Every structure is written in structure tokens, then in C-alpha cells.
Protein backbone atom coordinates (compact mmCIF):
# COMPACT_ATOMS: atom_id res chain seq x y z
CA UNK A 1 128.50 -15.10 143.41
CA UNK A 2 131.46 -12.84 142.64
CA UNK A 3 132.10 -9.95 145.02
CA UNK A 4 134.91 -7.51 144.17
CA UNK A 5 136.89 -6.58 147.24
CA UNK A 6 138.47 -3.48 145.75
CA UNK A 7 137.24 -0.84 143.38
CA UNK A 8 140.02 0.30 141.12
CA UNK A 9 140.59 4.02 140.86
CA UNK A 10 140.06 3.89 137.10
CA UNK A 11 136.33 3.27 136.78
CA UNK A 12 136.55 3.14 133.00
CA UNK A 13 138.97 0.23 133.14
CA UNK A 14 136.60 -1.70 135.41
CA UNK A 15 133.70 -1.09 133.04
CA UNK A 16 135.71 -2.21 130.06
CA UNK A 17 137.01 -5.33 131.74
CA UNK A 18 133.87 -6.46 133.53
CA UNK A 19 130.96 -4.45 132.24
CA UNK A 20 129.60 -7.26 130.08
CA UNK A 21 129.30 -9.79 132.88
CA UNK A 22 132.79 -11.25 132.62
CA UNK A 23 132.93 -14.31 134.85
CA UNK A 24 135.63 -16.43 133.31
CA UNK A 25 139.12 -14.91 133.35
CA UNK A 26 140.36 -17.24 130.62
CA UNK A 27 137.59 -16.57 128.14
CA UNK A 28 138.91 -13.23 126.93
CA UNK A 29 142.14 -11.38 126.19
CA UNK A 30 144.06 -10.09 129.17
CA UNK A 31 146.20 -7.36 127.63
CA UNK A 32 145.33 -3.70 127.13
CA UNK A 33 147.36 -1.24 125.11
CA UNK A 34 147.11 2.23 123.66
CA UNK A 35 145.45 2.80 120.32
CA UNK A 36 148.32 1.73 118.10
CA UNK A 37 147.36 0.66 114.61
CA UNK A 38 143.67 1.12 115.33
CA UNK A 39 143.57 -1.25 118.32
CA UNK A 40 142.13 0.33 121.44
CA UNK A 41 140.40 -0.67 124.65
CA UNK A 42 138.16 -3.05 122.73
CA UNK A 43 141.07 -5.47 122.85
CA UNK A 44 140.45 -5.96 126.58
CA UNK A 45 137.10 -7.46 125.69
CA UNK A 46 138.53 -9.73 123.04
CA UNK A 47 136.68 -7.87 120.29
CA UNK A 48 139.82 -7.79 118.18
CA UNK A 49 142.95 -9.86 117.94
CA UNK A 50 145.73 -8.27 119.94
CA UNK A 51 148.32 -9.64 117.59
CA UNK A 52 146.76 -9.44 114.16
CA UNK A 53 148.46 -6.22 113.07
CA UNK A 54 152.01 -7.16 113.97
CA UNK A 55 154.37 -6.36 116.81
CA UNK A 56 153.07 -4.30 119.74
CA UNK A 57 155.38 -1.43 120.63
CA UNK A 58 153.66 -0.08 123.76
CA UNK A 59 151.87 -2.26 126.30
CA UNK A 60 150.13 0.08 128.73
CA UNK A 61 148.24 -2.32 130.98
CA UNK A 62 148.26 -6.08 131.38
CA UNK A 63 145.52 -8.09 133.07
CA UNK A 64 146.75 -11.30 134.68
CA UNK A 65 145.49 -14.22 136.71
CA UNK A 66 147.42 -17.07 138.38
CA UNK A 67 146.30 -19.51 135.69
CA UNK A 68 147.50 -17.23 132.89
CA UNK A 69 150.86 -16.73 134.55
CA UNK A 70 151.31 -20.48 135.02
CA UNK A 71 150.28 -20.95 131.41
CA UNK A 72 152.93 -18.51 130.20
CA UNK A 73 155.58 -20.23 132.34
CA UNK A 74 154.61 -23.65 130.99
CA UNK A 75 154.60 -22.52 127.36
CA UNK A 76 154.69 -18.92 126.05
CA UNK A 77 153.45 -20.14 122.68
CA UNK A 78 150.28 -21.55 124.27
CA UNK A 79 149.76 -18.20 125.99
CA UNK A 80 149.99 -16.52 122.58
CA UNK A 81 147.45 -18.86 121.02
CA UNK A 82 144.96 -18.47 123.85
CA UNK A 83 145.38 -14.88 125.03
CA UNK A 84 146.89 -12.90 122.16
CA UNK A 85 145.37 -14.63 119.14
CA UNK A 86 142.36 -16.01 121.05
CA UNK A 87 142.15 -19.11 118.89
CA UNK A 88 139.04 -21.20 119.55
CA UNK A 89 139.33 -24.53 121.34
CA UNK A 90 136.78 -27.34 121.69
CA UNK A 91 135.37 -27.92 125.18
CA UNK A 92 137.38 -30.21 127.44
CA UNK A 93 135.49 -33.03 129.13
CA UNK A 94 137.78 -32.90 132.16
CA UNK A 95 137.40 -29.14 132.51
CA UNK A 96 133.62 -29.37 132.18
CA UNK A 97 133.48 -32.09 134.82
CA UNK A 98 135.50 -29.84 137.07
CA UNK A 99 133.08 -26.98 136.44
CA UNK A 100 130.16 -29.20 137.39
CA UNK A 101 131.85 -30.33 140.60
CA UNK A 102 132.68 -26.74 141.53
CA UNK A 103 129.08 -25.64 140.94
CA UNK A 104 127.72 -28.43 143.13
CA UNK A 105 130.15 -27.71 145.96
CA UNK A 106 129.37 -24.00 145.77
CA UNK A 107 125.62 -24.63 145.95
CA UNK A 108 126.05 -27.20 148.72
CA UNK A 109 126.49 -24.42 151.26
CA UNK A 110 123.08 -23.00 150.39
CA UNK A 111 121.60 -26.05 152.14
CA UNK A 112 121.02 -26.38 155.86
CA UNK A 113 124.04 -27.95 157.60
CA UNK A 114 122.26 -31.26 158.19
CA UNK A 115 121.56 -31.57 154.45
CA UNK A 116 125.14 -31.07 153.31
CA UNK A 117 125.89 -34.68 152.54
CA UNK A 118 126.89 -36.89 149.64
CA UNK A 119 123.34 -37.81 148.73
CA UNK A 120 122.29 -34.16 148.45
CA UNK A 121 125.35 -33.32 146.36
CA UNK A 122 124.70 -36.21 143.96
CA UNK A 123 121.06 -35.19 143.69
CA UNK A 124 122.12 -31.75 142.45
CA UNK A 125 124.22 -33.12 139.60
CA UNK A 126 121.57 -33.69 136.86
CA UNK A 127 120.01 -30.22 137.20
CA UNK A 128 123.36 -28.46 137.30
CA UNK A 129 124.56 -30.44 134.29
CA UNK A 130 121.43 -29.55 132.30
CA UNK A 131 122.18 -25.87 132.88
CA UNK A 132 125.75 -26.39 131.69
CA UNK A 133 124.60 -28.16 128.53
CA UNK A 134 122.02 -25.45 127.86
CA UNK A 135 124.79 -22.86 127.96
CA UNK A 136 127.13 -25.03 125.84
CA UNK A 137 125.07 -27.41 123.65
CA UNK A 138 128.24 -29.03 122.28
CA UNK A 139 128.76 -30.68 125.69
CA UNK A 140 125.95 -33.13 124.97
CA UNK A 141 128.14 -34.82 122.35
CA UNK A 142 130.98 -35.20 124.86
CA UNK A 143 128.89 -37.38 127.17
CA UNK A 144 127.45 -40.31 125.21
CA UNK A 145 126.83 -42.33 128.38
CA UNK A 146 125.23 -40.20 131.10
CA UNK A 147 125.23 -43.03 133.65
CA UNK A 148 129.02 -43.35 133.46
CA UNK A 149 129.32 -39.56 133.57
CA UNK A 150 127.23 -39.16 136.72
CA UNK A 151 128.83 -42.20 138.34
CA UNK A 152 132.22 -40.50 137.97
CA UNK A 153 130.83 -37.24 139.34
CA UNK A 154 129.34 -39.10 142.32
CA UNK A 155 132.69 -40.76 142.97
CA UNK A 156 134.52 -37.43 143.01
CA UNK A 157 131.92 -35.95 145.32
CA UNK A 158 132.30 -38.92 147.65
CA UNK A 159 136.01 -38.17 147.83
CA UNK A 160 135.22 -34.59 148.80
CA UNK A 161 133.25 -35.73 151.83
CA UNK A 162 136.24 -37.81 152.90
CA UNK A 163 138.27 -34.61 153.03
CA UNK A 164 135.81 -32.23 154.69
CA UNK A 165 132.67 -32.21 156.80
CA UNK A 166 130.74 -29.24 155.35
CA UNK A 167 127.95 -29.67 157.90
CA UNK A 168 130.31 -28.47 160.63
CA UNK A 169 131.13 -24.98 159.29
CA UNK A 170 129.88 -22.12 157.15
CA UNK A 171 131.60 -20.91 154.00
CA UNK A 172 132.06 -17.16 154.40
CA UNK A 173 132.67 -16.48 150.71
CA UNK A 174 132.23 -18.65 147.62
CA UNK A 175 133.58 -17.90 144.14
CA UNK A 176 134.94 -14.61 145.43
CA UNK A 177 136.67 -12.26 143.02
CA UNK A 178 139.91 -10.74 144.35
CA UNK A 179 141.60 -7.96 142.40
CA UNK A 180 144.30 -5.33 142.75
CA UNK A 181 146.75 -3.30 140.68
CA UNK A 182 150.25 -4.51 141.53
CA UNK A 183 151.62 -1.44 139.76
CA UNK A 184 150.36 0.96 137.07
CA UNK A 185 150.99 -1.66 134.38
CA UNK A 186 149.88 -4.87 136.08
CA UNK A 187 146.36 -5.69 137.19
CA UNK A 188 146.07 -9.00 139.05
CA UNK A 189 142.87 -10.87 139.77
CA UNK A 190 141.48 -14.31 140.48
CA UNK A 191 138.39 -16.23 141.55
CA UNK A 192 138.66 -18.12 144.83
CA UNK A 193 136.55 -21.24 145.28
CA UNK A 194 136.02 -20.62 148.98
CA UNK A 195 137.20 -18.38 151.81
CA UNK A 196 136.34 -19.30 155.39
CA UNK A 197 136.70 -16.70 158.14
CA UNK A 198 136.59 -18.10 161.68
CA UNK A 199 134.86 -16.18 164.50
CA UNK A 200 138.36 -15.59 165.91
CA UNK A 201 139.48 -13.96 162.65
CA UNK A 202 141.63 -16.71 161.12
CA UNK A 203 141.24 -17.02 157.35
CA UNK A 204 141.32 -20.21 155.31
CA UNK A 205 141.50 -20.21 151.51
CA UNK A 206 140.25 -23.40 149.84
CA UNK A 207 140.46 -24.54 146.22
CA UNK A 208 138.92 -27.69 144.73
CA UNK A 209 140.68 -29.76 142.09
CA UNK A 210 138.90 -32.59 140.34
CA UNK A 211 142.15 -34.26 139.30
CA UNK A 212 144.81 -36.09 141.28
CA UNK A 213 147.27 -34.48 143.67
CA UNK A 214 150.79 -33.57 142.52
CA UNK A 215 153.64 -36.00 142.94
CA UNK A 216 155.96 -35.48 145.91
CA UNK A 217 158.17 -32.48 145.31
CA UNK A 218 155.64 -30.67 143.11
CA UNK A 219 153.43 -29.32 145.90
CA UNK A 220 155.07 -25.89 145.89
CA UNK A 221 154.23 -25.34 142.24
CA UNK A 222 150.64 -26.39 142.92
CA UNK A 223 150.37 -23.90 145.80
CA UNK A 224 151.39 -20.93 143.65
CA UNK A 225 147.78 -20.11 142.76
CA UNK A 226 146.65 -20.05 146.38
CA UNK A 227 149.64 -17.96 147.43
CA UNK A 228 148.58 -15.38 144.85
CA UNK A 229 145.09 -15.38 146.38
CA UNK A 230 146.61 -15.07 149.85
CA UNK A 231 148.71 -12.13 148.66
CA UNK A 232 145.63 -10.38 147.26
CA UNK A 233 143.64 -11.02 150.43
CA UNK A 234 146.48 -9.69 152.58
CA UNK A 235 146.90 -6.55 150.49
CA UNK A 236 143.17 -5.87 150.57
CA UNK A 237 142.39 -6.74 154.20
CA UNK A 238 145.69 -6.56 156.04
CA UNK A 239 145.33 -10.18 157.18
CA UNK A 240 147.58 -13.03 156.10
CA UNK A 241 145.46 -16.18 155.69
CA UNK A 242 146.31 -18.81 158.28
CA UNK A 243 145.84 -21.78 155.96
CA UNK A 244 145.82 -22.56 152.24
CA UNK A 245 144.14 -25.82 151.21
CA UNK A 246 144.04 -27.64 147.88
CA UNK A 247 141.52 -30.48 147.91
CA UNK A 248 142.27 -33.05 145.18
CA UNK A 249 139.14 -35.10 144.63
CA UNK A 250 140.82 -37.44 142.16
CA UNK A 251 142.67 -39.26 144.95
CA UNK A 252 141.15 -37.84 148.17
CA UNK A 253 144.28 -35.94 149.16
CA UNK A 254 144.78 -32.41 150.43
CA UNK A 255 147.82 -30.18 150.10
CA UNK A 256 148.06 -27.54 152.81
CA UNK A 257 150.32 -24.63 153.64
CA UNK A 258 150.44 -21.83 156.21
CA UNK A 259 151.86 -18.83 154.33
CA UNK A 260 154.28 -16.40 155.90
CA UNK A 261 154.79 -12.73 155.11
CA UNK A 262 158.15 -13.58 153.59
CA UNK A 263 156.58 -16.18 151.26
CA UNK A 264 153.90 -13.75 150.12
CA UNK A 265 156.44 -11.01 149.42
CA UNK A 266 158.46 -13.53 147.43
CA UNK A 267 155.30 -14.47 145.51
CA UNK A 268 154.71 -10.81 144.70
CA UNK A 269 158.25 -10.45 143.34
CA UNK A 270 157.77 -13.54 141.21
CA UNK A 271 154.49 -12.16 139.83
CA UNK A 272 156.16 -8.93 138.77
CA UNK A 273 159.02 -10.81 137.10
CA UNK A 274 156.55 -12.96 135.12
CA UNK A 275 154.52 -9.88 134.21
CA UNK A 276 157.67 -8.19 132.86
CA UNK A 277 158.43 -11.30 130.82
CA UNK A 278 154.92 -11.34 129.35
CA UNK A 279 155.09 -7.63 128.50
CA UNK A 280 158.47 -8.16 126.81
CA UNK A 281 157.09 -11.13 124.87
CA UNK A 282 154.18 -9.04 123.61
CA UNK A 283 156.31 -6.05 122.67
CA UNK A 284 158.85 -8.22 120.83
CA UNK A 285 156.42 -10.74 119.40
CA UNK A 286 158.51 -13.51 120.94
CA UNK A 287 156.55 -16.48 122.29
CA UNK A 288 158.80 -19.55 122.08
CA UNK A 289 157.24 -22.99 122.27
CA UNK A 290 158.32 -25.00 125.29
CA UNK A 291 157.96 -28.70 124.49
CA UNK A 292 157.03 -31.00 127.38
CA UNK A 293 154.76 -33.90 128.21
CA UNK A 294 151.92 -31.38 128.42
CA UNK A 295 152.06 -31.11 124.63
CA UNK A 296 150.20 -34.41 124.32
CA UNK A 297 147.11 -32.72 125.79
CA UNK A 298 147.44 -29.45 123.88
CA UNK A 299 144.85 -28.75 121.19
CA UNK A 300 147.32 -26.56 119.29
CA UNK A 301 150.01 -29.22 118.91
CA UNK A 302 149.27 -29.59 115.19
CA UNK A 303 150.14 -25.94 114.50
CA UNK A 304 152.89 -25.50 117.07
CA UNK A 305 156.39 -24.93 115.66
CA UNK A 306 157.85 -27.27 118.30
CA UNK A 307 156.12 -30.18 116.53
CA UNK A 308 156.17 -29.02 112.93
């Protein structure tokens, strides 16, 4: 369930961006521009390549999410391949496992509190996976051994129950869509796994990760996404969340932070700086490759100039 918390003043922009049931912020282009060279608002929907006709000279509106900003910071060239050129990629087994885990944990809170246990979560897995495969038939080829697949899923779910006791509380919002214009050029949005609002008004933002927790010293980078969500929630509701929680199911560890107003203002400044960098990259057609260890997992390594 995705519930927008803010209706943007430009109803046409909302219709263009979300009118076709957009649920995945990384599945389509995130840049809008004026009709230069025949490219118009259709580019928001990914109907045309945003980069096919050459350099863009006037970016009028850019649509960003925390994941896209992190992606640009990690490697502008990858951002170009995924967002500007929208090159196809094969499904990722790790990403699809994460999607399955997220679906199960979202649906878990539809059960009565006494039924929110490991056994119930594991029981959901086959049905939820069948739906996923129906929507993406290619996934069937990624899982030659379903027993090993579901054993791994069960193990990750077991780790979740070591971190939380879902029978003891209610999830106020699940898969909530937060959105706001940071300025006339920058629209920011994201999907939050869970938001819990206590009877006393305190707000907790929770995100599930199916991988392992970051190494010591890298927690701040990992918390960037949740600080963006906290910033959006604060701007929309006037309440700074009391707690941000990243649950890493890969090693049963949680990373937590209590954001301050100063931290959220700093996050907002950082977002605007990154947005300016992305706009400049688009206008100048300059997306340098940034080689790192992440390249070994990048599907586009074979065409990337950093490796050719």
C-alpha cells in the first residue's frame, strides 16, 4: 500500500509521473525537461531515451530518490546507463530475494498479533514467490533449487524475529510513499518500508535489508536513506522522527540513529548539492565512470569506459 502524504500543486506532473501505477522508483527515468529536440513529458515515463538526441541544454525538473542519489555518488556512469539511457538489466537474485522478504514482512502485519511468528512468515513464502514469478517469468530460471531458495529465505526471516517482536506492536504505515518538491527543479520521493507512530506521538522509521550490516565506520553512509525519509516526514508533518532503524537480516544486526534538526538540515543541503551535480551532468553530458570494488557486481562493466 502506497499512500502519498502530499499532493503536489502541479496535478499534471503527478499524473505524468504516477498515473500508470508507478510503484518502483528505479524502473523508469527520473528526469523531466522541456520539449527540446522533440522530447517532452513522455520522458518522465521512460517512453523515450532522455539522452538519445545528444546533450540536454535545459533541465526543468528532476525526480530523485535516495537510491538514485547514492547511485550517482557511487558512479555517475551507472546513473547514466540506468536513468538516462534506461539500458535493460537482467533480474538480480539478491534483489529478488530482498523483494520477497519485504513482501512477507509487509503482509505479516495483516495477521493477528499472536500469529506474527516465524512459522507464519515462512508459510507465506511459496505463495508470495509464485506471484513474483508470475510477474517476472525469468525468475524461475534463477532458482533451480527451490528448497535451497526457501531455506535461505526462512533463515533470513528467522534473523528478523531475533531483531523485533512484531506481535508486540502495530505498524502504522507500510510501504508508504513520501514526496515533496525541495525546490522548483527538484522533486524528492521515496518508499518507506515501515513507519510506526506511538500513542504518545513518537515516530520510528524502519527499513529492512536482506544483506549484511555495514562495517564499522560505514554506518553513516548507510543511514543516509533513512535521514532523507526523516527529512520528508518532518517537512510534511512537522515532527522529527525519534528513531531511525536499519534491520540487516544477513547478520541479525540493527543500525539505529536518533536524528536531530541540525542533521536533517545538513541532509537537505547535501541533497540539493547532489541534485545540482546531476543536473550539471545531464546538461553537459558528463557522466564519468568511478571505478571501485562495486564494479565486479555491475552488469554494465563490459561496456564501461573504466574497464575498456
